[in-house]
Amino acid sequence: MADPDGVRLQKILSQAGIASRRVAERMIVDGRVDVDGRVVTELGTRVDPDVSVIRVDGRGCCSTTLWFIWR
């Protein structure tokens, strides 16, 4: 789950528009975030957003899939 070369979890949540970094930190401490099926409560946890499945309150978020729409 933890990737020493990854991105901090609160930064990923912030960039995804889920919450500000400070609010994301509170969500992590409250046990509302899980990565790959494991609840994360430690701040500073680093994960690879391209590989890890991140959920907030049981709902998936932070997909890095790019969609292209052609006209």
Protein backbone atom coordinates (compact mmCIF):
# COMPACT_ATOMS: atom_id res chain seq x y z
CA MET A 1 0.00 0.00 0.00
CA ALA A 2 2.58 2.62 1.05
CA ASP A 3 4.92 3.69 -1.72
CA PRO A 4 8.00 5.66 -0.55
CA ASP A 5 8.27 7.28 -3.99
CA GLY A 6 4.55 8.04 -4.20
CA VAL A 7 2.50 11.16 -3.57
CA ARG A 8 1.10 12.12 -0.17
CA LEU A 9 -2.49 10.98 0.16
CA GLN A 10 -3.83 14.36 1.29
CA LYS A 11 -2.30 15.99 -1.79
CA ILE A 12 -4.02 13.45 -4.07
CA LEU A 13 -7.38 14.12 -2.41
CA SER A 14 -6.85 17.86 -2.72
CA GLN A 15 -5.88 17.70 -6.40
CA ALA A 16 -8.93 15.54 -7.11
CA GLY A 17 -11.17 18.27 -5.68
CA ILE A 18 -12.39 16.12 -2.78
CA ALA A 19 -11.29 18.56 -0.07
CA SER A 20 -8.58 21.05 0.82
CA ARG A 21 -5.36 19.55 2.14
CA ARG A 22 -6.26 20.43 5.74
CA VAL A 23 -9.74 18.94 5.46
CA ALA A 24 -8.28 15.88 3.72
CA GLU A 25 -5.89 15.45 6.66
CA ARG A 26 -8.88 15.49 9.04
CA MET A 27 -10.69 12.92 6.87
CA ILE A 28 -7.65 10.63 6.98
CA VAL A 29 -7.28 10.92 10.76
CA ASP A 30 -11.02 10.23 11.17
CA GLY A 31 -10.61 6.95 9.23
CA ARG A 32 -12.80 8.00 6.29
CA VAL A 33 -10.17 7.17 3.62
CA ASP A 34 -9.06 3.73 2.53
CA VAL A 35 -6.38 2.72 0.06
CA ASP A 36 -6.55 -0.69 -1.58
CA GLY A 37 -9.16 -1.81 0.94
CA ARG A 38 -7.21 -0.75 4.05
CA VAL A 39 -8.25 2.21 6.18
CA VAL A 40 -5.49 4.83 6.41
CA THR A 41 -5.25 6.96 9.57
CA GLU A 42 -1.60 8.02 9.37
CA LEU A 43 -0.80 11.41 7.86
CA GLY A 44 1.96 11.54 5.29
CA THR A 45 1.12 8.16 3.80
CA ARG A 46 2.46 8.04 0.25
CA VAL A 47 0.69 6.09 -2.46
CA ASP A 48 0.93 5.70 -6.22
CA PRO A 49 -2.28 7.26 -7.60
CA ASP A 50 -1.90 5.33 -10.87
CA VAL A 51 -1.98 1.94 -9.12
CA SER A 52 -3.78 2.41 -5.79
CA VAL A 53 -7.56 2.32 -5.39
CA ILE A 54 -8.51 5.25 -3.16
CA ARG A 55 -11.95 5.53 -1.55
CA VAL A 56 -13.49 8.21 0.64
CA ASP A 57 -16.52 7.22 2.71
CA GLY A 58 -16.71 4.01 0.66
CA ARG A 59 -16.95 5.83 -2.68
CA GLY A 60 -14.23 5.64 -5.30
CA CYS A 61 -12.34 8.78 -6.17
CA CYS A 62 -9.15 10.06 -7.73
CA SER A 63 -9.24 8.22 -11.03
CA THR A 64 -6.29 9.11 -13.23
CA THR A 65 -7.95 7.75 -16.35
CA LEU A 66 -7.96 10.30 -19.13
CA TRP A 67 -10.94 10.56 -21.43
CA PHE A 68 -10.72 12.06 -24.86
CA ILE A 69 -13.79 13.18 -26.74
CA TRP A 70 -13.44 13.48 -30.49
CA ARG A 71 -15.73 15.65 -32.59
